[in-house]
Amino acid sequence: EQQPGTPLSDQDYRQFFMLLQVAHRTRTACLLRVLYGCQNPLVQRLDKYENHGVIPKGPICSELPGTPFFPDFCSFSFYRCTTKRYFIKV
């Protein structure tokens, strides 16, 4: 365990910046979604990547208490972006 105020180890720095890069990429994907919509080919490619090659059709049920239902994956993704709850699963 490191003492408070000491620099991170090399491994800790790698993990710290990896998390920042993930957050940056996620914000970028959300910005693309807002600017171009869910029908944009790049946004669709990201959605397919997230869902093992297929964008779910129809209503989406999530693990969210109080907001369990979305009319489609696009609405679900917009919700995650606007609330910054990026890692909510379907």
C-alpha atoms as a PDB file:
ATOM      1  CA  GLU A   1       0.000   0.000   0.000  1.00  0.00           C
ATOM      2  CA  GLN A   2       1.341   3.409  -0.955  1.00  0.00           C
ATOM      3  CA  GLN A   3       1.496   6.318   1.433  1.00  0.00           C
ATOM      4  CA  PRO A   4      -0.813   9.296   0.781  1.00  0.00           C
ATOM      5  CA  GLY A   5       0.902  11.940  -1.332  1.00  0.00           C
ATOM      6  CA  THR A   6       3.393   9.595  -2.983  1.00  0.00           C
ATOM      7  CA  PRO A   7       3.429   9.193  -6.783  1.00  0.00           C
ATOM      8  CA  LEU A   8       1.585   6.315  -8.387  1.00  0.00           C
ATOM      9  CA  SER A   9       3.557   3.274  -9.416  1.00  0.00           C
ATOM     10  CA  ASP A  10       4.159   2.685 -13.139  1.00  0.00           C
ATOM     11  CA  GLN A  11       1.337   0.118 -13.176  1.00  0.00           C
ATOM     12  CA  ASP A  12      -0.989   2.496 -11.319  1.00  0.00           C
ATOM     13  CA  TYR A  13      -0.273   5.242 -13.856  1.00  0.00           C
ATOM     14  CA  ARG A  14      -1.050   2.901 -16.765  1.00  0.00           C
ATOM     15  CA  GLN A  15      -4.365   1.941 -15.174  1.00  0.00           C
ATOM     16  CA  PHE A  16      -5.217   5.566 -14.338  1.00  0.00           C
ATOM     17  CA  PHE A  17      -4.639   6.805 -17.884  1.00  0.00           C
ATOM     18  CA  MET A  18      -6.346   3.770 -19.408  1.00  0.00           C
ATOM     19  CA  LEU A  19      -9.504   4.698 -17.476  1.00  0.00           C
ATOM     20  CA  LEU A  20      -9.238   8.301 -18.675  1.00  0.00           C
ATOM     21  CA  GLN A  21      -8.905   7.132 -22.272  1.00  0.00           C
ATOM     22  CA  VAL A  22     -11.986   4.925 -21.915  1.00  0.00           C
ATOM     23  CA  ALA A  23     -13.978   7.874 -20.523  1.00  0.00           C
ATOM     24  CA  HIS A  24     -12.747  10.105 -23.374  1.00  0.00           C
ATOM     25  CA  ARG A  25     -13.716   7.541 -26.014  1.00  0.00           C
ATOM     26  CA  THR A  26     -17.115   7.100 -24.399  1.00  0.00           C
ATOM     27  CA  ARG A  27     -17.773  10.845 -24.390  1.00  0.00           C
ATOM     28  CA  THR A  28     -16.671  11.008 -28.032  1.00  0.00           C
ATOM     29  CA  ALA A  29     -19.098   8.216 -28.977  1.00  0.00           C
ATOM     30  CA  CYS A  30     -21.893  10.062 -27.156  1.00  0.00           C
ATOM     31  CA  LEU A  31     -21.060  13.290 -28.965  1.00  0.00           C
ATOM     32  CA  LEU A  32     -21.211  11.465 -32.315  1.00  0.00           C
ATOM     33  CA  ARG A  33     -24.595  10.020 -31.327  1.00  0.00           C
ATOM     34  CA  VAL A  34     -25.956  13.463 -30.428  1.00  0.00           C
ATOM     35  CA  LEU A  35     -24.543  15.164 -33.535  1.00  0.00           C
ATOM     36  CA  TYR A  36     -25.358  12.529 -36.151  1.00  0.00           C
ATOM     37  CA  GLY A  37     -28.054  10.285 -34.652  1.00  0.00           C
ATOM     38  CA  CYS A  38     -28.368   6.542 -34.406  1.00  0.00           C
ATOM     39  CA  GLN A  39     -28.632   6.031 -38.175  1.00  0.00           C
ATOM     40  CA  ASN A  40     -25.074   7.278 -38.740  1.00  0.00           C
ATOM     41  CA  PRO A  41     -22.888   4.405 -40.017  1.00  0.00           C
ATOM     42  CA  LEU A  42     -20.153   5.031 -37.414  1.00  0.00           C
ATOM     43  CA  VAL A  43     -22.670   5.145 -34.557  1.00  0.00           C
ATOM     44  CA  GLN A  44     -24.271   1.953 -35.856  1.00  0.00           C
ATOM     45  CA  ARG A  45     -20.869   0.278 -36.037  1.00  0.00           C
ATOM     46  CA  LEU A  46     -20.219   1.225 -32.390  1.00  0.00           C
ATOM     47  CA  ASP A  47     -23.660  -0.098 -31.392  1.00  0.00           C
ATOM     48  CA  LYS A  48     -23.013  -3.365 -33.223  1.00  0.00           C
ATOM     49  CA  TYR A  49     -19.604  -3.677 -31.587  1.00  0.00           C
ATOM     50  CA  GLU A  50     -21.198  -3.229 -28.160  1.00  0.00           C
ATOM     51  CA  ASN A  51     -23.837  -5.881 -28.938  1.00  0.00           C
ATOM     52  CA  HIS A  52     -21.712  -8.584 -30.566  1.00  0.00           C
ATOM     53  CA  GLY A  53     -22.564  -7.597 -34.129  1.00  0.00           C
ATOM     54  CA  VAL A  54     -26.316  -6.946 -33.906  1.00  0.00           C
ATOM     55  CA  ILE A  55     -28.195  -3.830 -32.811  1.00  0.00           C
ATOM     56  CA  PRO A  56     -31.101  -5.040 -30.626  1.00  0.00           C
ATOM     57  CA  LYS A  57     -34.502  -4.426 -32.209  1.00  0.00           C
ATOM     58  CA  GLY A  58     -37.631  -3.449 -30.345  1.00  0.00           C
ATOM     59  CA  PRO A  59     -38.022  -2.457 -26.708  1.00  0.00           C
ATOM     60  CA  ILE A  60     -35.050  -2.582 -24.351  1.00  0.00           C
ATOM     61  CA  CYS A  61     -35.320  -3.667 -20.743  1.00  0.00           C
ATOM     62  CA  SER A  62     -32.466  -2.487 -18.555  1.00  0.00           C
ATOM     63  CA  GLU A  63     -31.209  -3.232 -15.073  1.00  0.00           C
ATOM     64  CA  LEU A  64     -32.146   0.307 -14.002  1.00  0.00           C
ATOM     65  CA  PRO A  65     -34.508   0.544 -11.065  1.00  0.00           C
ATOM     66  CA  GLY A  66     -37.238   3.064 -11.897  1.00  0.00           C
ATOM     67  CA  THR A  67     -36.310   3.322 -15.593  1.00  0.00           C
ATOM     68  CA  PRO A  68     -36.374  -0.259 -16.804  1.00  0.00           C
ATOM     69  CA  PHE A  69     -37.938   0.216 -20.260  1.00  0.00           C
ATOM     70  CA  PHE A  70     -36.814   2.020 -23.430  1.00  0.00           C
ATOM     71  CA  PRO A  71     -38.594   1.863 -26.803  1.00  0.00           C
ATOM     72  CA  ASP A  72     -35.369   0.986 -28.650  1.00  0.00           C
ATOM     73  CA  PHE A  73     -31.599   0.704 -28.305  1.00  0.00           C
ATOM     74  CA  CYS A  74     -31.116   4.246 -29.595  1.00  0.00           C
ATOM     75  CA  SER A  75     -33.240   5.695 -26.761  1.00  0.00           C
ATOM     76  CA  PHE A  76     -31.386   3.547 -24.256  1.00  0.00           C
ATOM     77  CA  SER A  77     -28.030   4.782 -25.579  1.00  0.00           C
ATOM     78  CA  PHE A  78     -29.141   8.429 -25.500  1.00  0.00           C
ATOM     79  CA  TYR A  79     -30.245   7.931 -21.892  1.00  0.00           C
ATOM     80  CA  ARG A  80     -26.834   6.554 -20.954  1.00  0.00           C
ATOM     81  CA  CYS A  81     -25.106   9.462 -22.671  1.00  0.00           C
ATOM     82  CA  THR A  82     -27.239  12.221 -21.183  1.00  0.00           C
ATOM     83  CA  THR A  83     -27.048  10.811 -17.653  1.00  0.00           C
ATOM     84  CA  LYS A  84     -23.370   9.794 -18.010  1.00  0.00           C
ATOM     85  CA  ARG A  85     -24.242   6.295 -16.817  1.00  0.00           C
ATOM     86  CA  TYR A  86     -22.214   4.673 -19.579  1.00  0.00           C
ATOM     87  CA  PHE A  87     -21.937   1.163 -18.239  1.00  0.00           C
ATOM     88  CA  ILE A  88     -25.593   0.343 -17.644  1.00  0.00           C
ATOM     89  CA  LYS A  89     -26.409  -2.976 -19.277  1.00  0.00           C
ATOM     90  CA  VAL A  90     -29.431  -4.105 -21.235  1.00  0.00           C
END
